[in-house]
Amino acid sequence: MQLQDKVTLITGAASGMGRAMALGYAREGAHVVIGDLDEQGAAAVVDEITAAGGSAQAERLDVADPDSARAVVERVVAARGRLDALVNNAGIGLIKTVWDTTPGEWDKIFAVNVKGLFFCSQAALEPMRAQGSGKIINLASIAGRRGEALVAAYCASKAAVISITQSTALAAAEHGINVNAMAPGVVDTPYWEQVDRQFGELLGKEPGQHFRDVSNSIPLGRAEQPADVVPLAVFLAGSGSDYITGQTYNVDGGIVTC
């Protein structure tokens, strides 16, 4: 098993890609900490993992609150003695025109997607620096690779994730810590139901039509499934990526080719 006995923390892991990665890490032998505000959903993922013979625990985590992140990391390290990998998966979106986006909406996006990611990383870096090893994996997006007219705040936040990944990688390298990111594309999750509805309202499309349109435009011919990010997530958390840091990998079916 690639992650045997590794202690891993995944934020926003009660559903979607976070849940898929949690299940994937557990199959590879890791102890998985499910960090999420959705306590019921997090507990359900723990039940799935333990029913399959894996090891997991749920922690209430508000990534927008640095004190919450630090407390979760401290509890995990106190119980397990170390933290081997952090996956910064938690994130929120906003579909809105540039001129209609409010300061409050902008701040909320950045509080979760940027501030949350940065300070969760900061909390995790403390035990990782002490132990001289660790892996941080950030969830960026192809939206961070290019701008989109109706997703300006989200695109900006994910571009910031890519930049933070590079800077943190350079800062942490001397401590034996690798920091990389993944940039998914159009992922078939409950979140995309909201995205489809919001795009539809703005563009005059029927429910489901926008999702079908963008899915049909993907070079590999289908929307991304949450499980599609798992192999790369496992690789980046394991020893095979020991000489890779500061990189952002597209996992998008060929939408962005750079």
C-alpha atoms as a PDB file:
ATOM      1  CA  MET A   1       0.000   0.000   0.000  1.00  0.00           C
ATOM      2  CA  GLN A   2       1.406   3.352  -1.072  1.00  0.00           C
ATOM      3  CA  LEU A   3       0.260   5.277   2.018  1.00  0.00           C
ATOM      4  CA  GLN A   4       0.491   2.578   4.655  1.00  0.00           C
ATOM      5  CA  ASP A   5       0.235   4.096   8.151  1.00  0.00           C
ATOM      6  CA  LYS A   6       0.450   7.673   6.829  1.00  0.00           C
ATOM      7  CA  VAL A   7      -1.594  10.232   8.759  1.00  0.00           C
ATOM      8  CA  THR A   8      -3.524  12.418   6.330  1.00  0.00           C
ATOM      9  CA  LEU A   9      -5.910  15.338   6.722  1.00  0.00           C
ATOM     10  CA  ILE A  10      -8.333  16.214   3.923  1.00  0.00           C
ATOM     11  CA  THR A  11     -10.406  19.385   4.188  1.00  0.00           C
ATOM     12  CA  GLY A  12     -13.913  19.496   2.746  1.00  0.00           C
ATOM     13  CA  ALA A  13     -13.937  15.701   2.658  1.00  0.00           C
ATOM     14  CA  ALA A  14     -17.591  15.052   3.485  1.00  0.00           C
ATOM     15  CA  SER A  15     -18.561  14.914  -0.197  1.00  0.00           C
ATOM     16  CA  GLY A  16     -17.381  15.196  -3.785  1.00  0.00           C
ATOM     17  CA  MET A  17     -13.673  15.014  -4.576  1.00  0.00           C
ATOM     18  CA  GLY A  18     -12.750  15.219  -0.891  1.00  0.00           C
ATOM     19  CA  ARG A  19     -14.767  12.103  -0.122  1.00  0.00           C
ATOM     20  CA  ALA A  20     -13.297  10.295  -3.134  1.00  0.00           C
ATOM     21  CA  MET A  21      -9.754  11.118  -2.028  1.00  0.00           C
ATOM     22  CA  ALA A  22     -10.505  10.078   1.552  1.00  0.00           C
ATOM     23  CA  LEU A  23     -11.739   6.688   0.373  1.00  0.00           C
ATOM     24  CA  GLY A  24      -8.753   6.362  -1.951  1.00  0.00           C
ATOM     25  CA  TYR A  25      -6.232   7.226   0.759  1.00  0.00           C
ATOM     26  CA  ALA A  26      -7.848   4.756   3.142  1.00  0.00           C
ATOM     27  CA  ARG A  27      -7.619   1.992   0.527  1.00  0.00           C
ATOM     28  CA  GLU A  28      -3.893   2.738   0.321  1.00  0.00           C
ATOM     29  CA  GLY A  29      -3.487   2.223   4.067  1.00  0.00           C
ATOM     30  CA  ALA A  30      -3.590   5.790   5.377  1.00  0.00           C
ATOM     31  CA  HIS A  31      -5.336   6.984   8.493  1.00  0.00           C
ATOM     32  CA  VAL A  32      -7.640   9.656   7.103  1.00  0.00           C
ATOM     33  CA  VAL A  33      -8.895  12.678   9.018  1.00  0.00           C
ATOM     34  CA  ILE A  34     -12.131  13.985   7.476  1.00  0.00           C
ATOM     35  CA  GLY A  35     -12.177  17.725   8.137  1.00  0.00           C
ATOM     36  CA  ASP A  36     -15.457  19.459   7.335  1.00  0.00           C
ATOM     37  CA  LEU A  37     -18.159  21.771   8.655  1.00  0.00           C
ATOM     38  CA  ASP A  38     -20.680  19.106   7.633  1.00  0.00           C
ATOM     39  CA  GLU A  39     -20.293  16.896  10.682  1.00  0.00           C
ATOM     40  CA  GLN A  40     -22.980  14.425   9.589  1.00  0.00           C
ATOM     41  CA  GLY A  41     -21.439  14.034   6.147  1.00  0.00           C
ATOM     42  CA  ALA A  42     -17.956  13.633   7.622  1.00  0.00           C
ATOM     43  CA  ALA A  43     -19.203  10.934   9.991  1.00  0.00           C
ATOM     44  CA  ALA A  44     -20.792   9.099   7.070  1.00  0.00           C
ATOM     45  CA  VAL A  45     -17.456   9.027   5.215  1.00  0.00           C
ATOM     46  CA  VAL A  46     -15.746   7.693   8.328  1.00  0.00           C
ATOM     47  CA  ASP A  47     -18.378   4.952   8.489  1.00  0.00           C
ATOM     48  CA  GLU A  48     -17.704   4.050   4.843  1.00  0.00           C
ATOM     49  CA  ILE A  49     -13.986   3.810   5.475  1.00  0.00           C
ATOM     50  CA  THR A  50     -14.199   1.798   8.684  1.00  0.00           C
ATOM     51  CA  ALA A  51     -16.801  -0.558   7.183  1.00  0.00           C
ATOM     52  CA  ALA A  52     -14.254  -1.374   4.488  1.00  0.00           C
ATOM     53  CA  GLY A  53     -11.573  -2.063   7.097  1.00  0.00           C
ATOM     54  CA  GLY A  54      -9.840   1.313   6.940  1.00  0.00           C
ATOM     55  CA  SER A  55      -8.919   3.859   9.595  1.00  0.00           C
ATOM     56  CA  ALA A  56     -10.488   7.313   9.810  1.00  0.00           C
ATOM     57  CA  GLN A  57     -11.814  10.000  12.103  1.00  0.00           C
ATOM     58  CA  ALA A  58     -14.022  13.052  11.628  1.00  0.00           C
ATOM     59  CA  GLU A  59     -13.097  16.545  12.786  1.00  0.00           C
ATOM     60  CA  ARG A  60     -15.257  19.644  12.612  1.00  0.00           C
ATOM     61  CA  LEU A  61     -13.156  22.108  10.640  1.00  0.00           C
ATOM     62  CA  ASP A  62     -13.920  25.641   9.517  1.00  0.00           C
ATOM     63  CA  VAL A  63     -11.075  26.399   7.131  1.00  0.00           C
ATOM     64  CA  ALA A  64     -11.926  30.112   7.138  1.00  0.00           C
ATOM     65  CA  ASP A  65     -10.983  30.209  10.839  1.00  0.00           C
ATOM     66  CA  PRO A  66      -7.209  29.793  11.366  1.00  0.00           C
ATOM     67  CA  ASP A  67      -7.795  28.846  15.015  1.00  0.00           C
ATOM     68  CA  SER A  68     -10.041  25.980  13.920  1.00  0.00           C
ATOM     69  CA  ALA A  69      -7.403  24.680  11.523  1.00  0.00           C
ATOM     70  CA  ARG A  70      -4.658  24.871  14.106  1.00  0.00           C
ATOM     71  CA  ALA A  71      -6.783  23.115  16.720  1.00  0.00           C
ATOM     72  CA  VAL A  72      -7.583  20.229  14.364  1.00  0.00           C
ATOM     73  CA  VAL A  73      -3.920  19.780  13.435  1.00  0.00           C
ATOM     74  CA  GLU A  74      -2.898  19.864  17.102  1.00  0.00           C
ATOM     75  CA  ARG A  75      -5.498  17.214  18.004  1.00  0.00           C
ATOM     76  CA  VAL A  76      -4.393  14.962  15.164  1.00  0.00           C
ATOM     77  CA  VAL A  77      -0.715  15.227  16.056  1.00  0.00           C
ATOM     78  CA  ALA A  78      -1.437  14.709  19.763  1.00  0.00           C
ATOM     79  CA  ALA A  79      -3.334  11.518  18.969  1.00  0.00           C
ATOM     80  CA  ARG A  80      -1.223  10.158  16.119  1.00  0.00           C
ATOM     81  CA  GLY A  81       2.202  11.644  16.742  1.00  0.00           C
ATOM     82  CA  ARG A  82       2.607  13.141  13.263  1.00  0.00           C
ATOM     83  CA  LEU A  83       0.930  14.543  10.161  1.00  0.00           C
ATOM     84  CA  ASP A  84       2.186  13.187   6.859  1.00  0.00           C
ATOM     85  CA  ALA A  85      -0.114  14.833   4.341  1.00  0.00           C
ATOM     86  CA  LEU A  86      -2.588  17.698   4.088  1.00  0.00           C
ATOM     87  CA  VAL A  87      -5.009  17.975   1.185  1.00  0.00           C
ATOM     88  CA  ASN A  88      -6.506  21.469   0.937  1.00  0.00           C
ATOM     89  CA  ASN A  89      -9.687  20.497  -0.860  1.00  0.00           C
ATOM     90  CA  ALA A  90     -12.346  22.725   0.758  1.00  0.00           C
ATOM     91  CA  GLY A  91     -13.597  25.465  -1.537  1.00  0.00           C
ATOM     92  CA  ILE A  92     -16.630  27.444  -2.651  1.00  0.00           C
ATOM     93  CA  GLY A  93     -17.650  29.098  -5.911  1.00  0.00           C
ATOM     94  CA  LEU A  94     -19.538  32.081  -7.239  1.00  0.00           C
ATOM     95  CA  ILE A  95     -21.219  32.510 -10.616  1.00  0.00           C
ATOM     96  CA  LYS A  96     -21.769  36.224 -11.126  1.00  0.00           C
ATOM     97  CA  THR A  97     -20.907  39.044 -13.494  1.00  0.00           C
ATOM     98  CA  VAL A  98     -17.931  41.247 -12.691  1.00  0.00           C
ATOM     99  CA  TRP A  99     -20.164  44.280 -12.183  1.00  0.00           C
ATOM    100  CA  ASP A 100     -22.620  42.498  -9.888  1.00  0.00           C
ATOM    101  CA  THR A 101     -20.063  40.872  -7.563  1.00  0.00           C
ATOM    102  CA  THR A 102     -20.229  42.453  -4.102  1.00  0.00           C
ATOM    103  CA  PRO A 103     -17.345  43.055  -1.679  1.00  0.00           C
ATOM    104  CA  GLY A 104     -18.935  40.572   0.705  1.00  0.00           C
ATOM    105  CA  GLU A 105     -19.085  37.854  -1.959  1.00  0.00           C
ATOM    106  CA  TRP A 106     -15.481  38.501  -2.946  1.00  0.00           C
ATOM    107  CA  ASP A 107     -14.342  38.312   0.690  1.00  0.00           C
ATOM    108  CA  LYS A 108     -16.241  35.061   1.281  1.00  0.00           C
ATOM    109  CA  ILE A 109     -14.632  33.368  -1.729  1.00  0.00           C
ATOM    110  CA  PHE A 110     -11.170  34.442  -0.641  1.00  0.00           C
ATOM    111  CA  ALA A 111     -11.786  33.591   3.029  1.00  0.00           C
ATOM    112  CA  VAL A 112     -12.329  29.924   2.130  1.00  0.00           C
ATOM    113  CA  ASN A 113     -10.360  29.341  -1.073  1.00  0.00           C
ATOM    114  CA  VAL A 114      -7.279  31.423  -0.289  1.00  0.00           C
ATOM    115  CA  LYS A 115      -7.049  32.399   3.377  1.00  0.00           C
ATOM    116  CA  GLY A 116      -8.364  29.001   4.464  1.00  0.00           C
ATOM    117  CA  LEU A 117      -5.889  27.117   2.305  1.00  0.00           C
ATOM    118  CA  PHE A 118      -2.963  29.280   3.397  1.00  0.00           C
ATOM    119  CA  PHE A 119      -3.598  29.014   7.129  1.00  0.00           C
ATOM    120  CA  CYS A 120      -4.440  25.294   7.021  1.00  0.00           C
ATOM    121  CA  SER A 121      -1.056  24.872   5.340  1.00  0.00           C
ATOM    122  CA  GLN A 122       0.611  27.047   7.948  1.00  0.00           C
ATOM    123  CA  ALA A 123      -0.859  24.903  10.732  1.00  0.00           C
ATOM    124  CA  ALA A 124       0.241  21.672   9.044  1.00  0.00           C
ATOM    125  CA  LEU A 125       3.725  22.975   8.347  1.00  0.00           C
ATOM    126  CA  GLU A 126       4.513  23.195  12.062  1.00  0.00           C
ATOM    127  CA  PRO A 127       4.552  19.423  12.734  1.00  0.00           C
ATOM    128  CA  MET A 128       5.866  18.691   9.237  1.00  0.00           C
ATOM    129  CA  ARG A 129       8.880  20.944   9.798  1.00  0.00           C
ATOM    130  CA  ALA A 130       9.509  19.298  13.154  1.00  0.00           C
ATOM    131  CA  GLN A 131       9.453  15.819  11.634  1.00  0.00           C
ATOM    132  CA  GLY A 132      11.387  16.865   8.514  1.00  0.00           C
ATOM    133  CA  SER A 133       8.870  15.549   6.024  1.00  0.00           C
ATOM    134  CA  GLY A 134       5.359  16.023   4.687  1.00  0.00           C
ATOM    135  CA  LYS A 135       3.203  16.494   1.628  1.00  0.00           C
ATOM    136  CA  ILE A 136       0.745  19.330   0.992  1.00  0.00           C
ATOM    137  CA  ILE A 137      -1.637  19.003  -1.936  1.00  0.00           C
ATOM    138  CA  ASN A 138      -3.745  22.004  -2.908  1.00  0.00           C
ATOM    139  CA  LEU A 139      -6.886  21.856  -5.011  1.00  0.00           C
ATOM    140  CA  ALA A 140      -6.620  24.586  -7.605  1.00  0.00           C
ATOM    141  CA  SER A 141      -8.759  24.528 -10.767  1.00  0.00           C
ATOM    142  CA  ILE A 142      -8.467  25.095 -14.473  1.00  0.00           C
ATOM    143  CA  ALA A 143     -10.291  28.329 -13.562  1.00  0.00           C
ATOM    144  CA  GLY A 144      -7.000  29.419 -12.031  1.00  0.00           C
ATOM    145  CA  ARG A 145      -5.286  28.890 -15.384  1.00  0.00           C
ATOM    146  CA  ARG A 146      -7.524  31.258 -17.345  1.00  0.00           C
ATOM    147  CA  GLY A 147     -10.181  33.872 -16.725  1.00  0.00           C
ATOM    148  CA  GLU A 148     -13.897  33.382 -17.323  1.00  0.00           C
ATOM    149  CA  ALA A 149     -16.389  36.230 -17.624  1.00  0.00           C
ATOM    150  CA  LEU A 150     -18.916  34.916 -15.105  1.00  0.00           C
ATOM    151  CA  VAL A 151     -16.489  33.392 -12.597  1.00  0.00           C
ATOM    152  CA  ALA A 152     -14.058  36.247 -11.949  1.00  0.00           C
ATOM    153  CA  ALA A 153     -13.782  35.981  -8.153  1.00  0.00           C
ATOM    154  CA  TYR A 154     -13.451  32.198  -8.249  1.00  0.00           C
ATOM    155  CA  CYS A 155     -10.860  32.329 -11.035  1.00  0.00           C
ATOM    156  CA  ALA A 156      -8.844  34.874  -9.074  1.00  0.00           C
ATOM    157  CA  SER A 157      -8.965  32.746  -5.942  1.00  0.00           C
ATOM    158  CA  LYS A 158      -7.745  29.659  -7.764  1.00  0.00           C
ATOM    159  CA  ALA A 159      -4.968  31.598  -9.480  1.00  0.00           C
ATOM    160  CA  ALA A 160      -3.921  32.597  -5.977  1.00  0.00           C
ATOM    161  CA  VAL A 161      -3.873  28.914  -4.984  1.00  0.00           C
ATOM    162  CA  ILE A 162      -1.385  28.190  -7.767  1.00  0.00           C
ATOM    163  CA  SER A 163       0.820  31.079  -6.638  1.00  0.00           C
ATOM    164  CA  ILE A 164       0.647  30.028  -2.974  1.00  0.00           C
ATOM    165  CA  THR A 165       1.586  26.494  -3.995  1.00  0.00           C
ATOM    166  CA  GLN A 166       4.745  27.754  -5.681  1.00  0.00           C
ATOM    167  CA  SER A 167       5.737  30.044  -2.810  1.00  0.00           C
ATOM    168  CA  THR A 168       5.048  27.494  -0.092  1.00  0.00           C
ATOM    169  CA  ALA A 169       6.968  24.839  -1.999  1.00  0.00           C
ATOM    170  CA  LEU A 170      10.039  27.058  -2.100  1.00  0.00           C
ATOM    171  CA  ALA A 171       9.744  27.928   1.584  1.00  0.00           C
ATOM    172  CA  ALA A 172       9.203  24.338   2.718  1.00  0.00           C
ATOM    173  CA  ALA A 173      11.738  22.554   0.498  1.00  0.00           C
ATOM    174  CA  GLU A 174      14.611  22.837   2.967  1.00  0.00           C
ATOM    175  CA  HIS A 175      12.466  21.030   5.528  1.00  0.00           C
ATOM    176  CA  GLY A 176      11.851  18.005   3.281  1.00  0.00           C
ATOM    177  CA  ILE A 177       8.255  19.021   2.541  1.00  0.00           C
ATOM    178  CA  ASN A 178       6.695  18.813  -0.916  1.00  0.00           C
ATOM    179  CA  VAL A 179       3.896  21.161  -1.960  1.00  0.00           C
ATOM    180  CA  ASN A 180       1.973  20.601  -5.186  1.00  0.00           C
ATOM    181  CA  ALA A 181      -1.479  21.283  -6.608  1.00  0.00           C
ATOM    182  CA  MET A 182      -4.090  19.664  -8.807  1.00  0.00           C
ATOM    183  CA  ALA A 183      -6.316  21.615 -11.190  1.00  0.00           C
ATOM    184  CA  PRO A 184      -9.545  19.708 -11.895  1.00  0.00           C
ATOM    185  CA  GLY A 185     -11.998  20.702 -14.619  1.00  0.00           C
ATOM    186  CA  VAL A 186     -15.734  20.047 -14.890  1.00  0.00           C
ATOM    187  CA  VAL A 187     -16.399  17.590 -12.063  1.00  0.00           C
ATOM    188  CA  ASP A 188     -19.736  15.796 -11.772  1.00  0.00           C
ATOM    189  CA  THR A 189     -20.560  16.568  -8.132  1.00  0.00           C
ATOM    190  CA  PRO A 190     -23.597  18.025  -6.344  1.00  0.00           C
ATOM    191  CA  TYR A 191     -21.791  21.376  -6.440  1.00  0.00           C
ATOM    192  CA  TRP A 192     -22.028  21.389 -10.239  1.00  0.00           C
ATOM    193  CA  GLU A 193     -25.810  21.173  -9.957  1.00  0.00           C
ATOM    194  CA  GLN A 194     -25.682  24.604  -8.333  1.00  0.00           C
ATOM    195  CA  VAL A 195     -23.215  25.859 -10.944  1.00  0.00           C
ATOM    196  CA  ASP A 196     -25.428  24.609 -13.764  1.00  0.00           C
ATOM    197  CA  ARG A 197     -28.492  26.296 -12.288  1.00  0.00           C
ATOM    198  CA  GLN A 198     -26.702  29.613 -11.808  1.00  0.00           C
ATOM    199  CA  PHE A 199     -25.179  29.580 -15.293  1.00  0.00           C
ATOM    200  CA  GLY A 200     -28.567  28.622 -16.707  1.00  0.00           C
ATOM    201  CA  GLU A 201     -30.259  31.581 -15.058  1.00  0.00           C
ATOM    202  CA  LEU A 202     -27.649  33.974 -16.428  1.00  0.00           C
ATOM    203  CA  LEU A 203     -27.449  32.452 -19.909  1.00  0.00           C
ATOM    204  CA  GLY A 204     -31.093  31.484 -20.387  1.00  0.00           C
ATOM    205  CA  LYS A 205     -30.526  27.730 -20.463  1.00  0.00           C
ATOM    206  CA  GLU A 206     -32.752  24.918 -19.229  1.00  0.00           C
ATOM    207  CA  PRO A 207     -31.650  22.989 -16.106  1.00  0.00           C
ATOM    208  CA  GLY A 208     -28.842  20.585 -16.995  1.00  0.00           C
ATOM    209  CA  GLN A 209     -28.141  22.148 -20.378  1.00  0.00           C
ATOM    210  CA  HIS A 210     -25.017  24.095 -19.422  1.00  0.00           C
ATOM    211  CA  PHE A 211     -23.472  21.039 -17.776  1.00  0.00           C
ATOM    212  CA  ARG A 212     -24.196  18.973 -20.901  1.00  0.00           C
ATOM    213  CA  ASP A 213     -22.758  21.680 -23.138  1.00  0.00           C
ATOM    214  CA  VAL A 214     -19.469  21.989 -21.276  1.00  0.00           C
ATOM    215  CA  SER A 215     -19.196  18.211 -20.814  1.00  0.00           C
ATOM    216  CA  ASN A 216     -19.616  17.661 -24.554  1.00  0.00           C
ATOM    217  CA  SER A 217     -16.808  20.133 -25.253  1.00  0.00           C
ATOM    218  CA  ILE A 218     -14.232  18.199 -23.194  1.00  0.00           C
ATOM    219  CA  PRO A 219     -11.650  16.532 -25.475  1.00  0.00           C
ATOM    220  CA  LEU A 220     -11.855  13.182 -23.644  1.00  0.00           C
ATOM    221  CA  GLY A 221     -15.606  13.200 -24.208  1.00  0.00           C
ATOM    222  CA  ARG A 222     -17.062  13.207 -20.707  1.00  0.00           C
ATOM    223  CA  ALA A 223     -17.326  15.143 -17.474  1.00  0.00           C
ATOM    224  CA  GLU A 224     -14.808  14.418 -14.763  1.00  0.00           C
ATOM    225  CA  GLN A 225     -15.785  12.072 -11.933  1.00  0.00           C
ATOM    226  CA  PRO A 226     -14.527  12.656  -8.380  1.00  0.00           C
ATOM    227  CA  ALA A 227     -12.550   9.412  -8.585  1.00  0.00           C
ATOM    228  CA  ASP A 228     -10.524  10.803 -11.498  1.00  0.00           C
ATOM    229  CA  VAL A 229      -8.396  12.909  -9.124  1.00  0.00           C
ATOM    230  CA  VAL A 230      -7.609  10.029  -6.765  1.00  0.00           C
ATOM    231  CA  PRO A 231      -4.631   8.383  -8.534  1.00  0.00           C
ATOM    232  CA  LEU A 232      -2.745  11.680  -8.754  1.00  0.00           C
ATOM    233  CA  ALA A 233      -3.714  12.606  -5.188  1.00  0.00           C
ATOM    234  CA  VAL A 234      -2.301   9.286  -3.946  1.00  0.00           C
ATOM    235  CA  PHE A 235       0.879   9.763  -5.974  1.00  0.00           C
ATOM    236  CA  LEU A 236       1.447  13.286  -4.652  1.00  0.00           C
ATOM    237  CA  ALA A 237       0.995  12.090  -1.060  1.00  0.00           C
ATOM    238  CA  GLY A 238       3.367   9.149  -1.468  1.00  0.00           C
ATOM    239  CA  SER A 239       7.093   8.616  -1.848  1.00  0.00           C
ATOM    240  CA  GLY A 240       6.926   8.573  -5.646  1.00  0.00           C
ATOM    241  CA  SER A 241       6.610  12.360  -5.651  1.00  0.00           C
ATOM    242  CA  ASP A 242       9.560  13.015  -3.336  1.00  0.00           C
ATOM    243  CA  TYR A 243      11.450  14.942  -6.038  1.00  0.00           C
ATOM    244  CA  ILE A 244       8.460  16.958  -7.249  1.00  0.00           C
ATOM    245  CA  THR A 245       7.445  20.257  -5.700  1.00  0.00           C
ATOM    246  CA  GLY A 246       5.860  23.572  -6.671  1.00  0.00           C
ATOM    247  CA  GLN A 247       3.896  22.049  -9.556  1.00  0.00           C
ATOM    248  CA  THR A 248       0.232  22.292 -10.580  1.00  0.00           C
ATOM    249  CA  TYR A 249      -1.165  19.361 -12.549  1.00  0.00           C
ATOM    250  CA  ASN A 250      -4.262  19.669 -14.730  1.00  0.00           C
ATOM    251  CA  VAL A 251      -6.734  16.810 -14.249  1.00  0.00           C
ATOM    252  CA  ASP A 252      -9.392  18.014 -16.656  1.00  0.00           C
ATOM    253  CA  GLY A 253      -9.824  15.693 -19.629  1.00  0.00           C
ATOM    254  CA  GLY A 254      -7.771  17.958 -21.885  1.00  0.00           C
ATOM    255  CA  ILE A 255      -9.620  21.273 -21.462  1.00  0.00           C
ATOM    256  CA  VAL A 256      -6.385  23.138 -20.719  1.00  0.00           C
ATOM    257  CA  THR A 257      -3.188  21.917 -22.337  1.00  0.00           C
ATOM    258  CA  CYS A 258      -0.461  23.908 -20.638  1.00  0.00           C
END
